[in-house]
C-alpha atoms as a PDB file:
ATOM      1  CA  MET A   1      11.973  77.942  53.602  1.00  0.00           C
ATOM      2  CA  ASN A   2       9.879  74.793  52.971  1.00  0.00           C
ATOM      3  CA  LYS A   3      12.326  72.660  54.950  1.00  0.00           C
ATOM      4  CA  HIS A   4      12.007  75.069  57.861  1.00  0.00           C
ATOM      5  CA  ARG A   5       8.165  74.948  57.723  1.00  0.00           C
ATOM      6  CA  ASN A   6       8.179  71.167  57.536  1.00  0.00           C
ATOM      7  CA  LYS A   7      10.531  70.946  60.513  1.00  0.00           C
ATOM      8  CA  ILE A   8       8.250  73.258  62.559  1.00  0.00           C
ATOM      9  CA  ALA A   9       5.146  71.282  61.534  1.00  0.00           C
ATOM     10  CA  LYS A  10       6.768  67.956  62.462  1.00  0.00           C
ATOM     11  CA  GLU A  11       7.929  69.339  65.807  1.00  0.00           C
ATOM     12  CA  TYR A  12       4.427  70.658  66.541  1.00  0.00           C
ATOM     13  CA  ALA A  13       2.843  67.334  65.553  1.00  0.00           C
ATOM     14  CA  ARG A  14       5.262  65.440  67.790  1.00  0.00           C
ATOM     15  CA  LYS A  15       4.480  67.671  70.815  1.00  0.00           C
ATOM     16  CA  THR A  16       0.717  67.849  70.261  1.00  0.00           C
ATOM     17  CA  LYS A  17      -1.502  65.303  71.961  1.00  0.00           C
ATOM     18  CA  TRP A  18      -4.849  64.021  70.751  1.00  0.00           C
ATOM     19  CA  SER A  19      -6.515  65.760  73.677  1.00  0.00           C
ATOM     20  CA  ASP A  20      -5.304  69.097  72.240  1.00  0.00           C
ATOM     21  CA  PHE A  21      -6.979  68.302  68.900  1.00  0.00           C
ATOM     22  CA  ILE A  22     -10.174  67.256  70.663  1.00  0.00           C
ATOM     23  CA  GLY A  23     -10.173  70.485  72.681  1.00  0.00           C
ATOM     24  CA  ILE A  24      -9.680  72.576  69.560  1.00  0.00           C
ATOM     25  CA  PHE A  25     -12.423  70.632  67.786  1.00  0.00           C
ATOM     26  CA  VAL A  26     -14.861  71.185  70.668  1.00  0.00           C
ATOM     27  CA  ILE A  27     -14.064  74.906  70.724  1.00  0.00           C
ATOM     28  CA  PHE A  28     -14.612  75.061  66.961  1.00  0.00           C
ATOM     29  CA  ILE A  29     -17.979  73.300  67.193  1.00  0.00           C
ATOM     30  CA  PHE A  30     -19.184  75.586  70.000  1.00  0.00           C
ATOM     31  CA  SER A  31     -18.045  78.682  68.117  1.00  0.00           C
ATOM     32  CA  VAL A  32     -19.954  77.563  65.022  1.00  0.00           C
ATOM     33  CA  LEU A  33     -23.088  76.684  66.957  1.00  0.00           C
ATOM     34  CA  PHE A  34     -23.206  79.864  68.985  1.00  0.00           C
ATOM     35  CA  SER A  35     -21.877  82.394  66.481  1.00  0.00           C
ATOM     36  CA  PHE A  36     -25.120  82.463  64.569  1.00  0.00           C
ATOM     37  CA  ASP A  37     -28.696  81.888  65.542  1.00  0.00           C
ATOM     38  CA  VAL A  38     -29.719  78.447  64.304  1.00  0.00           C
ATOM     39  CA  LEU A  39     -33.329  79.579  64.518  1.00  0.00           C
ATOM     40  CA  ALA A  40     -32.659  82.895  62.787  1.00  0.00           C
ATOM     41  CA  GLU A  41     -35.555  84.534  61.041  1.00  0.00           C
ATOM     42  CA  THR A  42     -35.855  85.093  57.370  1.00  0.00           C
ATOM     43  CA  LYS A  43     -36.440  88.680  56.287  1.00  0.00           C
ATOM     44  CA  THR A  44     -40.051  87.837  55.511  1.00  0.00           C
ATOM     45  CA  GLU A  45     -40.603  86.380  58.982  1.00  0.00           C
ATOM     46  CA  ALA A  46     -39.001  89.427  60.599  1.00  0.00           C
ATOM     47  CA  VAL A  47     -41.346  91.725  58.618  1.00  0.00           C
ATOM     48  CA  ASP A  48     -44.344  89.592  59.587  1.00  0.00           C
ATOM     49  CA  TRP A  49     -43.542  89.604  63.314  1.00  0.00           C
ATOM     50  CA  LEU A  50     -42.708  93.308  63.327  1.00  0.00           C
ATOM     51  CA  ALA A  51     -45.893  94.124  61.405  1.00  0.00           C
ATOM     52  CA  GLU A  52     -47.865  92.093  63.958  1.00  0.00           C
ATOM     53  CA  ALA A  53     -46.422  94.177  66.790  1.00  0.00           C
ATOM     54  CA  ILE A  54     -46.894  97.475  64.961  1.00  0.00           C
ATOM     55  CA  TYR A  55     -50.478  96.567  64.113  1.00  0.00           C
ATOM     56  CA  PHE A  56     -51.532  95.539  67.611  1.00  0.00           C
ATOM     57  CA  GLU A  57     -49.480  98.132  69.494  1.00  0.00           C
ATOM     58  CA  SER A  58     -49.949 101.225  67.346  1.00  0.00           C
ATOM     59  CA  ARG A  59     -52.297 100.831  64.364  1.00  0.00           C
ATOM     60  CA  ASP A  60     -54.364 103.781  65.619  1.00  0.00           C
ATOM     61  CA  GLN A  61     -51.271 106.028  65.819  1.00  0.00           C
ATOM     62  CA  ILE A  62     -49.851 108.347  63.171  1.00  0.00           C
ATOM     63  CA  LEU A  63     -47.312 106.722  60.816  1.00  0.00           C
ATOM     64  CA  ILE A  64     -44.270 108.165  62.579  1.00  0.00           C
ATOM     65  CA  GLY A  65     -45.605 106.607  65.800  1.00  0.00           C
ATOM     66  CA  GLN A  66     -45.895 103.223  64.096  1.00  0.00           C
ATOM     67  CA  ILE A  67     -42.335 103.540  62.823  1.00  0.00           C
ATOM     68  CA  ALA A  68     -41.146 104.500  66.314  1.00  0.00           C
ATOM     69  CA  VAL A  69     -42.744 101.362  67.806  1.00  0.00           C
ATOM     70  CA  GLY A  70     -41.010  99.288  65.154  1.00  0.00           C
ATOM     71  CA  CYS A  71     -37.709 101.027  65.903  1.00  0.00           C
ATOM     72  CA  VAL A  72     -37.933 100.128  69.600  1.00  0.00           C
ATOM     73  CA  ILE A  73     -38.253  96.479  68.597  1.00  0.00           C
ATOM     74  CA  LYS A  74     -35.402  96.788  66.100  1.00  0.00           C
ATOM     75  CA  ALA A  75     -33.194  98.408  68.787  1.00  0.00           C
ATOM     76  CA  ARG A  76     -33.938  95.505  71.121  1.00  0.00           C
ATOM     77  CA  VAL A  77     -33.069  92.920  68.472  1.00  0.00           C
ATOM     78  CA  LYS A  78     -29.698  94.640  68.018  1.00  0.00           C
ATOM     79  CA  SER A  79     -29.037  94.757  71.764  1.00  0.00           C
ATOM     80  CA  ARG A  80     -27.525  91.937  73.798  1.00  0.00           C
ATOM     81  CA  ARG A  81     -30.105  92.533  76.528  1.00  0.00           C
ATOM     82  CA  TRP A  82     -32.967  91.027  74.515  1.00  0.00           C
ATOM     83  CA  PRO A  83     -33.458  88.116  72.117  1.00  0.00           C
ATOM     84  CA  ASN A  84     -31.797  88.541  68.729  1.00  0.00           C
ATOM     85  CA  THR A  85     -34.892  87.982  66.592  1.00  0.00           C
ATOM     86  CA  VAL A  86     -37.987  90.098  66.113  1.00  0.00           C
ATOM     87  CA  ARG A  87     -40.184  87.189  67.161  1.00  0.00           C
ATOM     88  CA  GLY A  88     -38.072  86.631  70.254  1.00  0.00           C
ATOM     89  CA  VAL A  89     -38.401  90.283  71.241  1.00  0.00           C
ATOM     90  CA  VAL A  90     -42.140  90.730  70.617  1.00  0.00           C
ATOM     91  CA  HIS A  91     -43.080  87.417  72.180  1.00  0.00           C
ATOM     92  CA  GLN A  92     -40.987  87.951  75.283  1.00  0.00           C
ATOM     93  CA  ARG A  93     -43.084  87.571  78.394  1.00  0.00           C
ATOM     94  CA  LYS A  94     -44.671  90.784  79.740  1.00  0.00           C
ATOM     95  CA  GLN A  95     -42.942  93.080  77.278  1.00  0.00           C
ATOM     96  CA  PHE A  96     -45.712  93.972  74.817  1.00  0.00           C
ATOM     97  CA  SER A  97     -49.302  94.334  75.934  1.00  0.00           C
ATOM     98  CA  TYR A  98     -50.819  92.840  72.794  1.00  0.00           C
ATOM     99  CA  TYR A  99     -48.974  89.565  73.287  1.00  0.00           C
ATOM    100  CA  SER A 100     -49.393  89.438  77.057  1.00  0.00           C
ATOM    101  CA  ASP A 101     -53.147  90.114  77.124  1.00  0.00           C
ATOM    102  CA  GLY A 102     -54.134  86.504  76.384  1.00  0.00           C
ATOM    103  CA  LYS A 103     -56.244  87.447  73.359  1.00  0.00           C
ATOM    104  CA  PRO A 104     -55.649  85.829  69.958  1.00  0.00           C
ATOM    105  CA  GLU A 105     -53.856  87.998  67.413  1.00  0.00           C
ATOM    106  CA  ILE A 106     -56.421  88.415  64.626  1.00  0.00           C
ATOM    107  CA  PHE A 107     -56.006  91.101  61.964  1.00  0.00           C
ATOM    108  CA  ARG A 108     -59.514  92.540  61.634  1.00  0.00           C
ATOM    109  CA  GLU A 109     -58.568  95.795  59.910  1.00  0.00           C
ATOM    110  CA  HIS A 110     -56.954  94.753  56.633  1.00  0.00           C
ATOM    111  CA  ALA A 111     -55.942  98.265  55.555  1.00  0.00           C
ATOM    112  CA  ALA A 112     -54.271  98.864  58.919  1.00  0.00           C
ATOM    113  CA  HIS A 113     -52.481  95.527  58.638  1.00  0.00           C
ATOM    114  CA  TYR A 114     -51.229  96.476  55.165  1.00  0.00           C
ATOM    115  CA  VAL A 115     -49.898  99.771  56.545  1.00  0.00           C
ATOM    116  CA  ALA A 116     -48.223  97.905  59.437  1.00  0.00           C
ATOM    117  CA  VAL A 117     -46.462  95.632  56.928  1.00  0.00           C
ATOM    118  CA  MET A 118     -45.245  98.654  54.962  1.00  0.00           C
ATOM    119  CA  MET A 119     -43.996 100.335  58.151  1.00  0.00           C
ATOM    120  CA  ALA A 120     -42.237  97.122  59.231  1.00  0.00           C
ATOM    121  CA  GLU A 121     -40.450  96.899  55.874  1.00  0.00           C
ATOM    122  CA  HIS A 122     -39.468 100.559  56.177  1.00  0.00           C
ATOM    123  CA  VAL A 123     -38.079 100.061  59.695  1.00  0.00           C
ATOM    124  CA  LEU A 124     -36.088  96.967  58.760  1.00  0.00           C
ATOM    125  CA  ASN A 125     -34.770  98.201  55.414  1.00  0.00           C
ATOM    126  CA  THR A 126     -33.866 101.844  56.065  1.00  0.00           C
ATOM    127  CA  ASN A 127     -32.085 103.970  58.634  1.00  0.00           C
ATOM    128  CA  ALA A 128     -35.383 105.474  59.808  1.00  0.00           C
ATOM    129  CA  CYS A 129     -34.606 104.491  63.386  1.00  0.00           C
ATOM    130  CA  ASP A 130     -31.725 106.938  63.580  1.00  0.00           C
ATOM    131  CA  MET A 131     -34.164 109.735  64.474  1.00  0.00           C
ATOM    132  CA  PHE A 132     -35.371 107.978  67.635  1.00  0.00           C
ATOM    133  CA  GLY A 133     -32.134 108.183  69.610  1.00  0.00           C
ATOM    134  CA  GLY A 134     -31.838 104.451  70.296  1.00  0.00           C
ATOM    135  CA  ALA A 135     -35.157 104.239  72.139  1.00  0.00           C
ATOM    136  CA  ASP A 136     -35.624 100.718  73.494  1.00  0.00           C
ATOM    137  CA  HIS A 137     -38.829 101.219  75.503  1.00  0.00           C
ATOM    138  CA  TYR A 138     -42.124 102.977  75.035  1.00  0.00           C
ATOM    139  CA  LEU A 139     -45.309 103.220  76.941  1.00  0.00           C
ATOM    140  CA  ASN A 140     -48.858 104.209  76.300  1.00  0.00           C
ATOM    141  CA  HIS A 141     -49.896 106.376  79.226  1.00  0.00           C
ATOM    142  CA  ASP A 142     -53.478 105.083  78.949  1.00  0.00           C
ATOM    143  CA  ILE A 143     -52.285 101.541  79.672  1.00  0.00           C
ATOM    144  CA  ALA A 144     -48.945 101.608  81.510  1.00  0.00           C
ATOM    145  CA  ASN A 145     -48.272 102.922  84.979  1.00  0.00           C
ATOM    146  CA  PRO A 146     -45.398 105.455  84.860  1.00  0.00           C
ATOM    147  CA  ASN A 147     -44.796 104.924  88.576  1.00  0.00           C
ATOM    148  CA  GLU A 148     -43.448 101.399  88.063  1.00  0.00           C
ATOM    149  CA  GLU A 149     -39.816 100.767  88.979  1.00  0.00           C
ATOM    150  CA  TRP A 150     -38.541 100.119  85.415  1.00  0.00           C
ATOM    151  CA  PHE A 151     -39.822 103.503  84.298  1.00  0.00           C
ATOM    152  CA  LYS A 152     -37.565 105.359  86.735  1.00  0.00           C
ATOM    153  CA  LYS A 153     -34.470 103.882  85.056  1.00  0.00           C
ATOM    154  CA  MET A 154     -35.281 105.384  81.660  1.00  0.00           C
ATOM    155  CA  ALA A 155     -34.138 108.489  79.821  1.00  0.00           C
ATOM    156  CA  PHE A 156     -36.976 110.245  77.996  1.00  0.00           C
ATOM    157  CA  ILE A 157     -36.430 110.528  74.222  1.00  0.00           C
ATOM    158  CA  MET A 158     -39.707 111.873  72.799  1.00  0.00           C
ATOM    159  CA  LYS A 159     -43.475 111.631  72.752  1.00  0.00           C
ATOM    160  CA  VAL A 160     -45.262 110.627  69.573  1.00  0.00           C
ATOM    161  CA  ASP A 161     -49.041 110.561  69.663  1.00  0.00           C
ATOM    162  CA  ALA A 162     -50.108 108.337  72.609  1.00  0.00           C
ATOM    163  CA  HIS A 163     -46.676 106.774  73.180  1.00  0.00           C
ATOM    164  CA  SER A 164     -43.667 108.132  75.046  1.00  0.00           C
ATOM    165  CA  PHE A 165     -40.279 106.696  74.037  1.00  0.00           C
ATOM    166  CA  TYR A 166     -37.383 106.038  76.369  1.00  0.00           C
ATOM    167  CA  LYS A 167     -33.880 104.645  76.346  1.00  0.00           C
ATOM    168  CA  SER A 168     -32.327 102.536  79.098  1.00  0.00           C
ATOM    169  CA  LYS A 169     -29.844 104.557  81.132  1.00  0.00           C
END
């Protein structure tokens, strides 16, 4: 059996060119570089960014509404359509009003920020998002215009407090 393996290995080595090895090496390097996010977030960073979004987008909402906002962000992180980090999702241009309004993000209500951190941890560490049907969009009817084009491509999931939640069709 060993003689047979050695014969096959020698035959392969004789037929293989250096360019084949270089091609395989390049493919290997690209697969390593692009199979994981070099700039991936730590769990603490993910909680911090998600808490920031929950705080500024829904701190005045009931707790289930805050969780739902966090779940939309989590659904986007899991989807190929959006960036694969919480920071990448919430800081994407024109996606979240708190980040797009040009105002600095300052936590003035410390109790509300604490609750947002707790809700972010809950969203990231449990299966709480299962109850929201994969919602990947929401809007606050006081701010957003439901007549915009993107809105027409959504399937309604539910309304929680001031936000309505939708899933891409």
